[in-house]
Amino acid sequence: PTTAPLASPMPTPNWAVRVGIVSGHRGPQNDPGAVCPDGLTEREINFDTAQMVVNRLQGLGYTVDLLDEFDPRLQNYQAAALLSIHANTCREWPDGEIVSGYLLAAPAARVTARGNDELLVDCISRAYAGASGLTRREGTTIDMTDYHNFREIHPLTPGAIIELGFMRADRDLLLQSERLGQGLTQGLLCFLEPLRFQAPTALPTPADAPTPTTQG
């Protein structure tokens, strides 16, 4: 007798795939994050970029939550991925040193979803580097690797936090929220739909100097 071919599993529709985007420092606490001398705040940069990512993913049919920094929904939050968006300090460095680049981290102490965390970070890093032209800096701090959201979300929710760049040296770029949002969206799609979306294969060489950073 002829054997009927096995049916291919139906792909999960985008609307059934939830993504969380944390807009760093947003919320009722009225915390501006890092602030430049002219009043530009990290919170503004974070929100403009986060909103771009949310809009693009929703436009593709994904279910997306725009989350505050200390959003009560983060407790045991379950999603296909969570990305928290921040920017780095606007301070001047000694001797006029130019400090530029982005930082990216996953939960350092988590074991259960560690593989997925690293895949998420790799996808975002390659896509963001390609879109922004920035170099990924080494030397993430415990404020990033032990970021409070990582302890709040469900253990199996892959998570990452990005510092988009430094608000002084990278200021012009950080105001281009559409460009940055496109890079982050492409990175998330690389993770969510690896067969359809691929991030650039080459990355800029990481900066050798340790990163003097305070988490934004």
Protein backbone atom coordinates (compact mmCIF):
# COMPACT_ATOMS: atom_id res chain seq x y z
CA PRO A 1 0.00 0.00 0.00
CA THR A 2 1.11 3.55 -0.68
CA THR A 3 2.13 5.43 2.45
CA ALA A 4 0.72 8.92 2.72
CA PRO A 5 3.40 11.58 3.07
CA LEU A 6 3.80 13.06 6.52
CA ALA A 7 2.24 16.48 6.87
CA SER A 8 4.71 19.30 7.45
CA PRO A 9 4.21 21.06 10.76
CA MET A 10 2.46 24.39 10.35
CA PRO A 11 4.72 27.34 11.13
CA THR A 12 3.81 29.36 14.20
CA PRO A 13 1.97 32.48 13.04
CA ASN A 14 3.71 35.73 13.91
CA TRP A 15 0.81 36.94 16.06
CA ALA A 16 1.38 33.95 18.33
CA VAL A 17 5.03 34.96 18.87
CA ARG A 18 5.45 37.49 21.69
CA VAL A 19 8.45 39.83 21.95
CA GLY A 20 9.21 42.19 24.84
CA ILE A 21 11.01 45.50 24.31
CA VAL A 22 12.07 47.39 27.44
CA SER A 23 12.49 51.13 26.94
CA GLY A 24 15.26 51.85 29.43
CA HIS A 25 14.40 54.32 32.24
CA ARG A 26 10.83 54.77 31.01
CA GLY A 27 8.16 54.67 33.68
CA PRO A 28 6.45 56.56 36.49
CA GLN A 29 9.74 56.97 38.36
CA ASN A 30 10.52 59.87 35.97
CA ASP A 31 14.14 58.71 35.73
CA PRO A 32 15.91 60.39 32.77
CA GLY A 33 18.89 58.04 32.81
CA ALA A 34 22.08 59.69 31.59
CA VAL A 35 21.74 63.40 30.77
CA CYS A 36 23.86 65.58 28.45
CA PRO A 37 24.72 69.20 29.32
CA ASP A 38 22.15 70.47 26.79
CA GLY A 39 19.38 68.40 28.36
CA LEU A 40 19.31 65.43 25.96
CA THR A 41 18.28 62.41 28.03
CA GLU A 42 18.99 58.75 27.64
CA ARG A 43 15.30 58.05 28.23
CA GLU A 44 14.42 59.97 25.03
CA ILE A 45 16.94 58.02 22.95
CA ASN A 46 15.84 54.69 24.40
CA PHE A 47 12.14 55.35 23.84
CA ASP A 48 12.50 56.62 20.28
CA THR A 49 14.52 53.54 19.31
CA ALA A 50 12.30 51.12 21.24
CA GLN A 51 9.20 52.54 19.57
CA MET A 52 10.76 51.98 16.14
CA VAL A 53 11.44 48.33 16.96
CA VAL A 54 7.94 47.82 18.31
CA ASN A 55 6.35 49.41 15.24
CA ARG A 56 8.42 47.36 12.81
CA LEU A 57 7.74 44.05 14.54
CA GLN A 58 4.05 44.80 14.88
CA GLY A 59 4.00 45.67 11.20
CA LEU A 60 5.23 42.13 10.53
CA GLY A 61 2.44 40.70 12.63
CA TYR A 62 4.29 39.95 15.87
CA THR A 63 2.72 40.48 19.28
CA VAL A 64 5.00 43.05 20.93
CA ASP A 65 4.97 44.53 24.43
CA LEU A 66 6.57 47.94 24.98
CA LEU A 67 7.69 47.66 28.59
CA ASP A 68 8.79 50.20 31.19
CA GLU A 69 12.06 49.80 33.08
CA PHE A 70 10.28 48.47 36.18
CA ASP A 71 7.13 47.21 34.47
CA PRO A 72 5.06 44.87 36.68
CA ARG A 73 4.48 42.70 33.59
CA LEU A 74 8.17 41.70 33.72
CA GLN A 75 7.52 39.38 36.66
CA ASN A 76 7.75 35.86 35.21
CA TYR A 77 7.43 37.40 31.74
CA GLN A 78 7.19 34.76 29.02
CA ALA A 79 8.13 35.61 25.44
CA ALA A 80 10.17 34.40 22.49
CA ALA A 81 12.71 37.13 23.28
CA LEU A 82 13.20 40.17 25.49
CA LEU A 83 15.48 43.09 24.62
CA SER A 84 16.18 46.01 26.93
CA ILE A 85 17.36 49.19 25.21
CA HIS A 86 19.70 51.68 26.88
CA ALA A 87 22.35 54.24 25.93
CA ASN A 88 25.63 55.03 27.63
CA THR A 89 26.87 58.06 29.55
CA CYS A 90 27.31 61.58 28.14
CA ARG A 91 30.29 62.38 30.34
CA GLU A 92 33.66 63.62 29.12
CA TRP A 93 36.64 61.31 29.59
CA PRO A 94 40.10 62.28 30.92
CA ASP A 95 42.57 63.72 28.40
CA GLY A 96 39.80 64.14 25.85
CA GLU A 97 39.59 60.40 25.14
CA ILE A 98 36.90 59.51 22.61
CA VAL A 99 34.84 56.61 23.93
CA SER A 100 32.53 55.13 21.31
CA GLY A 101 30.79 51.84 20.58
CA TYR A 102 27.95 49.65 21.77
CA LEU A 103 27.77 47.07 24.55
CA LEU A 104 25.61 43.97 24.60
CA ALA A 105 25.08 41.36 27.29
CA ALA A 106 23.00 38.32 28.22
CA PRO A 107 22.28 36.97 31.71
CA ALA A 108 25.66 35.79 32.97
CA ALA A 109 24.43 33.57 35.77
CA ARG A 110 21.53 31.88 34.02
CA VAL A 111 21.90 28.27 32.93
CA THR A 112 18.49 27.11 31.71
CA ALA A 113 18.21 29.25 28.57
CA ARG A 114 21.87 30.10 28.17
CA GLY A 115 22.20 28.78 24.63
CA ASN A 116 19.24 30.81 23.41
CA ASP A 117 20.55 33.90 25.20
CA GLU A 118 23.83 33.66 23.33
CA LEU A 119 22.09 33.12 19.98
CA LEU A 120 19.98 36.21 20.63
CA VAL A 121 23.04 38.29 21.51
CA ASP A 122 24.94 37.07 18.46
CA CYS A 123 22.09 37.92 16.08
CA ILE A 124 21.54 41.37 17.56
CA SER A 125 25.25 42.13 17.65
CA ARG A 126 25.83 41.32 14.00
CA ALA A 127 22.73 43.16 12.78
CA TYR A 128 23.27 46.22 14.98
CA ALA A 129 26.93 46.52 14.07
CA GLY A 130 26.00 46.38 10.40
CA ALA A 131 23.28 49.01 10.73
CA SER A 132 25.10 51.41 13.06
CA GLY A 133 28.70 51.02 11.93
CA LEU A 134 29.74 50.96 15.60
CA THR A 135 32.20 48.54 17.15
CA ARG A 136 31.12 46.30 19.99
CA ARG A 137 33.14 47.15 23.07
CA GLU A 138 34.43 44.63 25.57
CA GLY A 139 34.12 44.93 29.31
CA THR A 140 30.42 44.79 30.17
CA THR A 141 29.71 45.46 33.84
CA ILE A 142 27.69 43.50 36.35
CA ASP A 143 24.97 46.14 35.89
CA MET A 144 24.46 44.58 32.45
CA THR A 145 25.20 40.90 33.00
CA ASP A 146 23.12 40.87 36.22
CA TYR A 147 20.54 43.36 34.91
CA HIS A 148 17.44 43.31 37.11
CA ASN A 149 15.08 42.30 34.28
CA PHE A 150 17.05 39.07 33.85
CA ARG A 151 16.08 38.05 37.38
CA GLU A 152 12.42 38.95 36.87
CA ILE A 153 11.53 37.30 33.56
CA HIS A 154 10.68 33.62 33.16
CA PRO A 155 13.85 31.47 33.17
CA LEU A 156 13.17 30.26 29.64
CA THR A 157 12.65 33.70 28.12
CA PRO A 158 15.83 34.57 26.16
CA GLY A 159 17.04 38.00 27.20
CA ALA A 160 19.58 40.65 26.22
CA ILE A 161 20.43 44.24 27.10
CA ILE A 162 22.10 46.69 24.73
CA GLU A 163 23.80 50.04 25.31
CA LEU A 164 23.27 51.61 21.89
CA GLY A 165 26.34 53.84 22.07
CA PHE A 166 27.89 56.69 24.04
CA MET A 167 25.77 59.82 24.16
CA ARG A 168 28.72 62.15 23.59
CA ALA A 169 30.87 60.52 20.90
CA ASP A 170 27.99 58.66 19.21
CA ARG A 171 25.36 61.37 19.67
CA ASP A 172 24.56 61.99 15.99
CA LEU A 173 23.98 58.29 15.43
CA LEU A 174 21.88 57.85 18.57
CA LEU A 175 19.44 60.45 17.28
CA GLN A 176 18.82 58.31 14.18
CA SER A 177 16.21 56.12 15.83
CA GLU A 178 14.92 54.69 12.56
CA ARG A 179 18.39 53.44 11.60
CA LEU A 180 19.03 51.93 15.03
CA GLY A 181 15.55 50.45 15.22
CA GLN A 182 16.05 48.78 11.86
CA GLY A 183 19.28 47.16 13.05
CA LEU A 184 17.74 45.86 16.26
CA THR A 185 14.67 44.60 14.43
CA GLN A 186 16.84 42.73 11.96
CA GLY A 187 18.74 41.17 14.85
CA LEU A 188 15.55 40.01 16.52
CA LEU A 189 14.25 38.57 13.25
CA CYS A 190 17.54 36.72 12.78
CA PHE A 191 16.84 35.06 16.14
CA LEU A 192 13.09 34.54 15.69
CA GLU A 193 13.15 33.37 12.07
CA PRO A 194 16.71 32.25 11.28
CA LEU A 195 15.70 30.50 8.06
CA ARG A 196 14.19 33.69 6.62
CA PHE A 197 16.33 36.46 8.08
CA GLN A 198 20.09 36.52 8.40
CA ALA A 199 22.23 39.15 10.05
CA PRO A 200 25.51 40.22 8.42
CA THR A 201 28.22 37.57 8.80
CA ALA A 202 31.11 39.94 9.53
CA LEU A 203 31.49 42.04 12.63
CA PRO A 204 33.79 45.00 13.25
CA THR A 205 36.80 44.02 15.35
CA PRO A 206 35.96 44.47 19.04
CA ALA A 207 37.65 47.43 20.72
CA ASP A 208 40.60 46.17 22.74
CA ALA A 209 40.45 48.82 25.40
CA PRO A 210 38.29 48.04 28.43
CA THR A 211 35.10 50.02 28.41
CA PRO A 212 34.87 52.77 31.02
CA THR A 213 31.13 52.58 31.49
CA THR A 214 28.36 53.30 33.87
CA GLN A 215 25.15 51.60 32.89
CA GLY A 216 22.67 54.04 31.44
